[in-house]
Amino acid sequence: MNAVPPRRFFYGWVIAAVCALGIACSFSVLVVTITPIFAGPLSRAMGWSLPQIYEGALVAGLCGVLTAPFIGALCDRFGARRIVLISFVIEILVLGSFGYLTASLLGYWLRYGALAMLCMGTTQVAFSRIISSWFNRRLGLAIGVALAGVGVGGFIWSLLLQRLIDLYGWRDAYFGLALLIACVTLPLLWLLLRDAPASMGLHIDGDQSSSKADEAARSAAGMTLREAVATRQYRLMAITWFLMGLSLQGAQLHVVPLLISRGVSAQLAAQTQAMMLITIILGRLSSGLLLDRLFAPRVAQGFILAPIIGIASLTLGASGTLAVLSAMCIGLAVGGESDVIAYLVRRYFGLKQYSRIYGSFFSFFGAGSAIGPAATAWAVAHVSAGYGTVLWFHVGTLMLTALLLFGFQNYSRDQ
């Protein structure tokens, strides 16, 4: 009887872990994390209002709408690794410049705009392309591992930056953030990240029976962005994820100021945000496992239930442990829904222009994510005199997205 050779470890899982590290330090994660953490110190130091501070995230989101498809095109043409490394160098410089902020709101907003315009290559737009080139059969889990970096980064940065602010002040906290990314993240990405398994003489999924011709055909298969936009499925996805970003981020970015407005200390509010963001890891990994086994839109609908419950609970006045659990429900959905976008782009539209198409959906989700927090801050200040009315709006919007998901068509797992 011939012995079965032991299965070798597939380097693709190293790629997934490195992508998680990169995403944890991406500008999209940092905007969500640092905006509420620095809001109090900047308001006291500069005299800015909460809506003015949150308009920085709005600027970043709207600028990201313009740049995500363009960066996707560069990743498809030149390789994602090169774009990732260049983008991180620029991000480090921009983050460091926040330490030199003056009382000019324009300078603050321009820095947020620079993060979106020049650092889009640090986000899922580039890293999802790499993951989709390394995996097919276990694509859902691999995407879940990589995008778990959102939760890891959010958790670490929430606690670390609040601690740095308490010890050294907000200016040095910005410098410390830039220094950590320069000394840890950038070198590891340069050493370990690779665009595709062929660059190391490997095959997709580690499958030795796969031929180079088969893998080349798979990489070339699928739709162009122009062809995808012409489909009903594309348009339905665009509407669904715009609304999802609007309400999920509109609620998530206001957990800290909401709790502080109810008498919770800044440190405890930051810890609650950290718990919410660490729950994103659970959402990423669990949704990744489910995506490889179940119809992805049904997975998304299941995860939407959690924030509906969590936001409703906060609206009804949840405090203490219940407030933490409610925030974690929001984090669970943020963790699950982004996985679904990356997965469905591969299944519906293929790899031919994956980054361009994913970048366009990133723009729709990002536009909603930008408008949601800023609109929420404006509504709290000028309309509802509190969070109650606007949070009920977010609950209703999430219910609508759950209904839209029933319209998604079937797909092939061989795409």
Protein backbone atom coordinates (compact mmCIF):
# COMPACT_ATOMS: atom_id res chain seq x y z
CA MET A 1 0.00 0.00 0.00
CA ASN A 2 1.40 3.39 -1.01
CA ALA A 3 1.72 5.91 1.78
CA VAL A 4 -0.28 9.10 1.36
CA PRO A 5 2.14 12.04 1.29
CA PRO A 6 1.52 14.55 4.07
CA ARG A 7 -0.30 17.70 3.02
CA ARG A 8 2.04 20.66 2.98
CA PHE A 9 1.13 23.90 4.68
CA PHE A 10 -0.32 26.29 2.12
CA TYR A 11 1.41 29.68 2.07
CA GLY A 12 -1.91 31.26 1.19
CA TRP A 13 -2.79 31.28 4.90
CA VAL A 14 0.30 33.39 5.57
CA ILE A 15 -0.99 35.73 2.87
CA ALA A 16 -4.39 35.87 4.59
CA ALA A 17 -2.75 36.73 7.93
CA VAL A 18 -0.53 39.42 6.38
CA CYS A 19 -3.53 40.90 4.61
CA ALA A 20 -5.30 41.01 7.99
CA LEU A 21 -2.36 42.98 9.41
CA GLY A 22 -2.44 45.41 6.51
CA ILE A 23 -6.19 45.94 6.71
CA ALA A 24 -5.90 46.49 10.48
CA CYS A 25 -3.69 49.49 9.71
CA SER A 26 -5.60 50.71 6.65
CA PHE A 27 -6.92 54.25 6.48
CA SER A 28 -10.51 52.92 6.33
CA VAL A 29 -10.12 51.24 9.73
CA LEU A 30 -8.25 54.20 11.19
CA VAL A 31 -10.89 56.74 10.11
CA VAL A 32 -13.60 54.74 11.89
CA THR A 33 -11.41 54.28 14.98
CA ILE A 34 -9.60 57.57 15.46
CA THR A 35 -12.47 59.93 14.68
CA PRO A 36 -14.49 59.18 17.85
CA ILE A 37 -11.37 58.67 20.01
CA PHE A 38 -9.84 62.04 19.06
CA ALA A 39 -13.18 63.90 18.91
CA GLY A 40 -13.11 64.98 22.57
CA PRO A 41 -9.46 66.11 22.69
CA LEU A 42 -9.76 67.98 19.37
CA SER A 43 -12.97 69.67 20.45
CA ARG A 44 -11.36 70.92 23.66
CA ALA A 45 -8.09 71.96 22.01
CA MET A 46 -9.48 73.52 18.83
CA GLY A 47 -13.00 74.53 19.80
CA TRP A 48 -14.53 72.47 16.98
CA SER A 49 -18.05 71.06 17.28
CA LEU A 50 -18.83 67.35 17.01
CA PRO A 51 -20.45 67.70 13.55
CA GLN A 52 -17.36 69.57 12.30
CA ILE A 53 -15.05 66.82 13.55
CA TYR A 54 -17.17 64.08 11.99
CA GLU A 55 -17.14 65.94 8.69
CA GLY A 56 -13.53 64.72 8.41
CA ALA A 57 -14.85 61.16 8.03
CA LEU A 58 -17.41 62.49 5.54
CA VAL A 59 -14.64 64.07 3.44
CA ALA A 60 -12.66 60.81 3.53
CA GLY A 61 -15.68 58.78 2.49
CA LEU A 62 -16.64 61.03 -0.37
CA CYS A 63 -13.06 61.21 -1.66
CA GLY A 64 -12.86 57.44 -1.40
CA VAL A 65 -15.88 57.17 -3.70
CA LEU A 66 -13.80 58.79 -6.42
CA THR A 67 -10.53 56.93 -5.88
CA ALA A 68 -11.53 53.32 -5.08
CA PRO A 69 -12.31 52.26 -8.69
CA PHE A 70 -9.15 54.01 -9.93
CA ILE A 71 -6.97 52.20 -7.38
CA GLY A 72 -8.75 48.97 -8.30
CA ALA A 73 -7.75 49.50 -11.92
CA LEU A 74 -4.11 50.05 -10.89
CA CYS A 75 -4.17 46.83 -8.84
CA ASP A 76 -5.56 44.86 -11.80
CA ARG A 77 -2.91 46.28 -14.11
CA PHE A 78 0.27 46.53 -12.01
CA GLY A 79 -0.33 44.09 -9.16
CA ALA A 80 -1.82 44.85 -5.77
CA ARG A 81 1.39 44.37 -3.74
CA ARG A 82 3.13 47.34 -5.38
CA ILE A 83 0.11 49.60 -4.80
CA VAL A 84 -0.17 48.45 -1.17
CA LEU A 85 3.44 49.30 -0.32
CA ILE A 86 3.38 52.74 -1.96
CA SER A 87 0.07 53.57 -0.28
CA PHE A 88 1.35 52.66 3.19
CA VAL A 89 4.38 54.93 2.82
CA ILE A 90 2.06 57.82 2.00
CA GLU A 91 -0.33 56.92 4.83
CA ILE A 92 2.49 57.06 7.38
CA LEU A 93 3.40 60.57 6.26
CA VAL A 94 -0.21 61.81 6.33
CA LEU A 95 -0.89 60.32 9.77
CA GLY A 96 2.24 61.95 11.15
CA SER A 97 1.07 65.30 9.78
CA PHE A 98 -2.02 65.17 12.05
CA GLY A 99 0.34 65.91 14.94
CA TYR A 100 0.88 69.38 13.42
CA LEU A 101 -2.81 70.32 13.23
CA THR A 102 -3.72 73.97 13.78
CA ALA A 103 -7.10 75.52 14.52
CA SER A 104 -7.87 75.53 10.78
CA LEU A 105 -10.69 73.09 10.05
CA LEU A 106 -9.65 73.11 6.39
CA GLY A 107 -6.29 71.58 7.27
CA TYR A 108 -8.04 68.87 9.28
CA TRP A 109 -10.45 68.04 6.46
CA LEU A 110 -7.68 68.08 3.84
CA ARG A 111 -5.76 65.45 5.80
CA TYR A 112 -8.80 63.17 5.79
CA GLY A 113 -9.17 63.79 2.08
CA ALA A 114 -5.50 62.94 1.52
CA LEU A 115 -5.93 59.62 3.34
CA ALA A 116 -8.73 58.66 0.97
CA MET A 117 -7.22 60.04 -2.23
CA LEU A 118 -3.67 58.77 -1.72
CA CYS A 119 -3.97 55.74 0.60
CA MET A 120 -6.83 53.69 -0.87
CA GLY A 121 -4.28 50.97 -1.64
CA THR A 122 -4.08 50.18 2.09
CA THR A 123 -7.70 48.95 2.11
CA GLN A 124 -9.70 45.88 1.13
CA VAL A 125 -9.73 47.13 -2.48
CA ALA A 126 -6.16 45.86 -2.87
CA PHE A 127 -6.07 43.07 -0.29
CA SER A 128 -9.29 41.37 -1.47
CA ARG A 129 -7.76 41.07 -4.94
CA ILE A 130 -4.77 39.24 -3.46
CA ILE A 131 -6.93 36.88 -1.39
CA SER A 132 -9.17 36.07 -4.37
CA SER A 133 -6.07 35.20 -6.41
CA TRP A 134 -4.84 32.72 -3.78
CA PHE A 135 -8.12 30.98 -2.87
CA ASN A 136 -11.24 29.54 -4.51
CA ARG A 137 -12.68 26.55 -2.59
CA ARG A 138 -12.08 28.17 0.81
CA LEU A 139 -12.44 31.73 -0.42
CA GLY A 140 -15.05 32.63 2.21
CA LEU A 141 -12.86 31.59 5.15
CA ALA A 142 -9.77 33.24 3.66
CA ILE A 143 -11.66 36.51 3.17
CA GLY A 144 -12.94 36.20 6.74
CA VAL A 145 -9.40 35.79 8.10
CA ALA A 146 -8.08 38.75 6.10
CA LEU A 147 -10.95 41.10 6.86
CA ALA A 148 -10.83 40.17 10.53
CA GLY A 149 -8.04 42.74 10.49
CA VAL A 150 -10.78 45.38 10.69
CA GLY A 151 -11.77 44.11 14.13
CA VAL A 152 -8.20 43.49 15.30
CA GLY A 153 -7.12 46.95 14.25
CA GLY A 154 -10.20 48.61 15.68
CA PHE A 155 -9.76 46.87 19.03
CA ILE A 156 -6.04 47.60 19.38
CA TRP A 157 -6.18 51.18 18.13
CA SER A 158 -9.19 52.07 20.30
CA LEU A 159 -7.42 51.08 23.51
CA LEU A 160 -3.88 52.04 22.53
CA LEU A 161 -4.68 55.49 21.18
CA GLN A 162 -6.84 56.40 24.16
CA ARG A 163 -3.95 55.35 26.40
CA LEU A 164 -1.44 57.38 24.38
CA ILE A 165 -3.72 60.42 24.54
CA ASP A 166 -4.04 60.06 28.32
CA LEU A 167 -0.27 59.72 28.80
CA TYR A 168 1.24 61.99 26.15
CA GLY A 169 -1.53 64.08 24.59
CA TRP A 170 -3.31 63.86 21.28
CA ARG A 171 -0.46 65.20 19.10
CA ASP A 172 2.03 62.55 20.25
CA ALA A 173 -0.69 59.91 19.89
CA TYR A 174 -0.86 60.70 16.16
CA PHE A 175 2.96 60.48 15.92
CA GLY A 176 2.94 57.15 17.78
CA LEU A 177 0.35 55.72 15.40
CA ALA A 178 2.43 56.63 12.35
CA LEU A 179 5.61 55.26 13.93
CA LEU A 180 4.08 51.88 14.76
CA ILE A 181 2.84 51.39 11.20
CA ALA A 182 6.24 52.41 9.79
CA CYS A 183 8.26 50.10 12.06
CA VAL A 184 6.00 47.02 12.16
CA THR A 185 3.39 46.84 9.41
CA LEU A 186 5.30 48.16 6.41
CA PRO A 187 8.37 45.85 6.80
CA LEU A 188 6.19 42.75 7.25
CA LEU A 189 4.13 43.55 4.17
CA TRP A 190 7.29 44.04 2.11
CA LEU A 191 8.76 40.72 3.28
CA LEU A 192 5.72 38.44 3.18
CA LEU A 193 3.05 39.75 0.80
CA ARG A 194 2.83 38.29 -2.72
CA ASP A 195 0.28 38.96 -5.47
CA ALA A 196 -0.49 35.40 -6.57
CA PRO A 197 0.62 31.81 -5.90
CA ALA A 198 2.33 31.61 -9.29
CA SER A 199 4.92 34.14 -8.08
CA MET A 200 6.14 31.44 -5.63
CA GLY A 201 5.68 28.45 -7.94
CA LEU A 202 2.44 27.49 -6.14
CA HIS A 203 -1.16 26.94 -7.24
CA ILE A 204 -4.46 28.39 -6.14
CA ASP A 205 -5.75 26.64 -2.98
CA GLY A 206 -2.40 24.78 -2.88
CA ASP A 207 -3.85 22.33 -5.42
CA GLN A 208 -0.94 20.62 -7.16
CA SER A 209 -3.27 19.09 -9.77
CA SER A 210 -4.20 22.51 -11.11
CA SER A 211 -2.41 23.46 -14.33
CA LYS A 212 -1.01 26.88 -15.16
CA ALA A 213 -3.38 27.05 -18.12
CA ASP A 214 -6.40 26.43 -15.87
CA GLU A 215 -5.32 29.14 -13.42
CA ALA A 216 -4.60 31.62 -16.22
CA ALA A 217 -8.05 30.94 -17.66
CA ARG A 218 -9.69 31.47 -14.26
CA SER A 219 -7.86 34.79 -13.76
CA ALA A 220 -9.01 36.00 -17.18
CA ALA A 221 -12.61 34.86 -16.74
CA GLY A 222 -15.44 37.16 -15.72
CA MET A 223 -16.84 40.57 -16.58
CA THR A 224 -15.36 43.98 -17.13
CA LEU A 225 -16.62 46.80 -14.94
CA ARG A 226 -18.64 48.15 -17.85
CA GLU A 227 -20.32 44.77 -18.37
CA ALA A 228 -21.00 44.38 -14.64
CA VAL A 229 -22.62 47.83 -14.31
CA ALA A 230 -25.09 46.87 -17.06
CA THR A 231 -26.48 43.98 -14.97
CA ARG A 232 -29.46 44.16 -12.60
CA GLN A 233 -27.44 42.31 -9.96
CA TYR A 234 -24.77 45.02 -9.87
CA ARG A 235 -27.31 47.80 -9.41
CA LEU A 236 -29.13 45.92 -6.66
CA MET A 237 -25.87 45.31 -4.82
CA ALA A 238 -24.90 48.97 -5.14
CA ILE A 239 -28.14 50.16 -3.52
CA THR A 240 -28.02 47.50 -0.81
CA TRP A 241 -24.49 48.25 0.33
CA PHE A 242 -24.91 52.00 0.19
CA LEU A 243 -27.83 51.74 2.61
CA MET A 244 -25.96 49.24 4.74
CA GLY A 245 -22.93 51.52 5.06
CA LEU A 246 -25.20 54.49 5.82
CA SER A 247 -26.82 52.87 8.84
CA LEU A 248 -24.11 50.55 10.17
CA GLN A 249 -21.42 53.23 10.21
CA GLY A 250 -23.91 55.92 11.19
CA ALA A 251 -24.56 53.95 14.37
CA GLN A 252 -21.07 52.52 14.95
CA LEU A 253 -19.17 55.81 14.90
CA HIS A 254 -21.57 57.35 17.41
CA VAL A 255 -21.37 54.71 20.12
CA VAL A 256 -18.63 56.63 21.99
CA PRO A 257 -20.31 60.08 21.97
CA LEU A 258 -23.69 58.46 22.70
CA LEU A 259 -22.36 56.78 25.84
CA ILE A 260 -20.46 59.88 26.94
CA SER A 261 -23.66 61.91 26.55
CA ARG A 262 -25.24 59.49 29.05
CA GLY A 263 -22.55 60.07 31.65
CA VAL A 264 -20.12 57.25 30.77
CA SER A 265 -16.41 58.10 31.14
CA ALA A 266 -14.28 58.53 28.02
CA GLN A 267 -12.12 55.53 29.01
CA LEU A 268 -15.13 53.24 29.47
CA ALA A 269 -16.67 54.48 26.23
CA ALA A 270 -13.40 53.69 24.41
CA GLN A 271 -13.40 50.22 25.97
CA THR A 272 -16.97 49.71 24.76
CA GLN A 273 -15.91 50.70 21.24
CA ALA A 274 -13.01 48.25 21.52
CA MET A 275 -15.39 45.46 22.48
CA MET A 276 -17.63 46.38 19.56
CA LEU A 277 -14.69 46.24 17.18
CA ILE A 278 -13.29 42.98 18.56
CA THR A 279 -16.70 41.45 17.82
CA ILE A 280 -16.00 42.27 14.18
CA ILE A 281 -13.41 39.45 14.27
CA LEU A 282 -16.10 36.96 15.26
CA GLY A 283 -18.32 38.32 12.51
CA ARG A 284 -15.59 38.03 9.88
CA LEU A 285 -14.57 34.48 10.73
CA SER A 286 -18.06 33.09 11.25
CA SER A 287 -19.40 34.69 8.07
CA GLY A 288 -16.37 33.39 6.16
CA LEU A 289 -17.10 29.83 7.26
CA LEU A 290 -20.78 30.21 6.39
CA LEU A 291 -20.11 31.72 2.96
CA ASP A 292 -18.31 28.55 1.87
CA ARG A 293 -21.40 26.51 2.82
CA LEU A 294 -24.53 28.65 2.42
CA PHE A 295 -26.03 31.13 -0.06
CA ALA A 296 -24.23 34.41 0.70
CA PRO A 297 -27.28 36.76 0.70
CA ARG A 298 -28.93 34.60 3.38
CA VAL A 299 -25.76 34.84 5.45
CA ALA A 300 -25.91 38.63 5.11
CA GLN A 301 -29.56 38.69 6.20
CA GLY A 302 -28.69 36.71 9.31
CA PHE A 303 -26.02 39.21 10.30
CA ILE A 304 -28.31 42.19 9.72
CA LEU A 305 -30.55 41.02 12.55
CA ALA A 306 -27.83 41.70 15.13
CA PRO A 307 -27.48 45.48 14.59
CA ILE A 308 -31.24 45.91 14.35
CA ILE A 309 -31.46 44.50 17.88
CA GLY A 310 -28.36 46.37 19.10
CA ILE A 311 -29.33 49.80 17.75
CA ALA A 312 -32.90 49.43 19.00
CA SER A 313 -31.57 48.55 22.45
CA LEU A 314 -29.33 51.66 22.53
CA THR A 315 -32.26 53.77 21.37
CA LEU A 316 -34.36 52.49 24.25
CA GLY A 317 -31.70 53.65 26.73
CA ALA A 318 -29.43 50.63 27.24
CA SER A 319 -26.58 51.31 29.66
CA GLY A 320 -23.85 49.38 31.45
CA THR A 321 -23.41 45.77 30.35
CA LEU A 322 -26.46 45.93 28.09
CA ALA A 323 -24.93 48.90 26.22
CA VAL A 324 -21.72 46.93 25.66
CA LEU A 325 -23.70 43.94 24.34
CA SER A 326 -25.72 46.24 22.08
CA ALA A 327 -22.52 47.75 20.65
CA MET A 328 -21.16 44.25 20.07
CA CYS A 329 -24.26 43.43 18.03
CA ILE A 330 -23.38 46.33 15.72
CA GLY A 331 -19.79 45.09 15.45
CA LEU A 332 -20.98 41.59 14.57
CA ALA A 333 -22.81 42.90 11.52
CA VAL A 334 -19.96 45.17 10.40
CA GLY A 335 -17.78 42.07 10.61
CA GLY A 336 -20.09 39.91 8.55
CA GLU A 337 -21.33 42.22 5.81
CA SER A 338 -17.99 43.33 4.31
CA ASP A 339 -16.99 39.70 3.79
CA VAL A 340 -20.10 39.20 1.71
CA ILE A 341 -19.20 42.03 -0.70
CA ALA A 342 -15.75 40.60 -1.45
CA TYR A 343 -17.17 37.10 -1.82
CA LEU A 344 -20.06 38.04 -4.10
CA VAL A 345 -17.88 40.12 -6.43
CA ARG A 346 -15.79 37.03 -7.12
CA ARG A 347 -18.84 34.75 -7.55
CA TYR A 348 -20.95 37.09 -9.69
CA PHE A 349 -18.31 38.89 -11.75
CA GLY A 350 -15.08 36.80 -11.68
CA LEU A 351 -11.43 37.86 -11.51
CA LYS A 352 -11.03 39.60 -14.87
CA GLN A 353 -11.49 43.08 -13.39
CA TYR A 354 -12.07 42.10 -9.78
CA SER A 355 -10.40 45.11 -8.17
CA ARG A 356 -12.19 47.60 -10.41
CA ILE A 357 -15.59 46.08 -9.61
CA TYR A 358 -14.86 45.62 -5.91
CA GLY A 359 -13.52 49.17 -5.79
CA SER A 360 -16.81 50.48 -7.17
CA PHE A 361 -18.78 48.64 -4.46
CA PHE A 362 -16.30 49.89 -1.88
CA SER A 363 -17.22 53.36 -3.12
CA PHE A 364 -20.94 52.78 -2.65
CA PHE A 365 -20.44 51.32 0.82
CA GLY A 366 -17.93 54.09 1.60
CA ALA A 367 -20.32 56.82 0.47
CA GLY A 368 -22.96 55.48 2.82
CA SER A 369 -20.36 55.11 5.56
CA ALA A 370 -19.30 58.73 5.09
CA ILE A 371 -22.76 60.24 4.95
CA GLY A 372 -24.17 58.17 7.84
CA PRO A 373 -21.97 59.42 10.71
CA ALA A 374 -22.00 63.05 9.53
CA ALA A 375 -25.78 63.03 8.99
CA THR A 376 -26.27 61.41 12.38
CA ALA A 377 -24.19 64.11 14.08
CA TRP A 378 -26.11 66.84 12.25
CA ALA A 379 -29.48 65.30 13.14
CA VAL A 380 -28.54 64.98 16.80
CA ALA A 381 -27.45 68.63 16.93
CA HIS A 382 -30.25 70.21 14.88
CA VAL A 383 -33.25 67.90 14.54
CA SER A 384 -33.88 65.31 17.23
CA ALA A 385 -32.10 66.86 20.25
CA GLY A 386 -30.73 63.42 21.02
CA TYR A 387 -30.02 60.08 19.37
CA GLY A 388 -33.51 58.54 19.58
CA THR A 389 -35.08 59.55 16.26
CA VAL A 390 -32.02 59.08 14.07
CA LEU A 391 -31.24 55.65 15.52
CA TRP A 392 -34.77 54.48 14.74
CA PHE A 393 -34.12 55.65 11.18
CA HIS A 394 -31.05 53.38 11.05
CA VAL A 395 -33.11 50.44 12.30
CA GLY A 396 -35.65 50.98 9.52
CA THR A 397 -32.95 51.28 6.85
CA LEU A 398 -31.36 47.99 7.92
CA MET A 399 -34.75 46.28 7.69
CA LEU A 400 -35.01 47.55 4.11
CA THR A 401 -31.59 46.14 3.18
CA ALA A 402 -32.63 42.75 4.56
CA LEU A 403 -35.61 42.78 2.18
CA LEU A 404 -33.45 43.82 -0.80
CA LEU A 405 -31.23 40.78 -0.30
CA PHE A 406 -34.15 38.53 -1.29
CA GLY A 407 -33.69 39.83 -4.83
CA PHE A 408 -30.10 38.55 -5.23
CA GLN A 409 -29.67 35.86 -7.90
CA ASN A 410 -27.94 32.49 -7.63
CA TYR A 411 -24.24 32.13 -8.54
CA SER A 412 -21.69 29.47 -9.39
CA ARG A 413 -18.99 28.57 -6.83
CA ASP A 414 -16.63 27.77 -9.73
CA GLN A 415 -16.52 31.43 -10.86
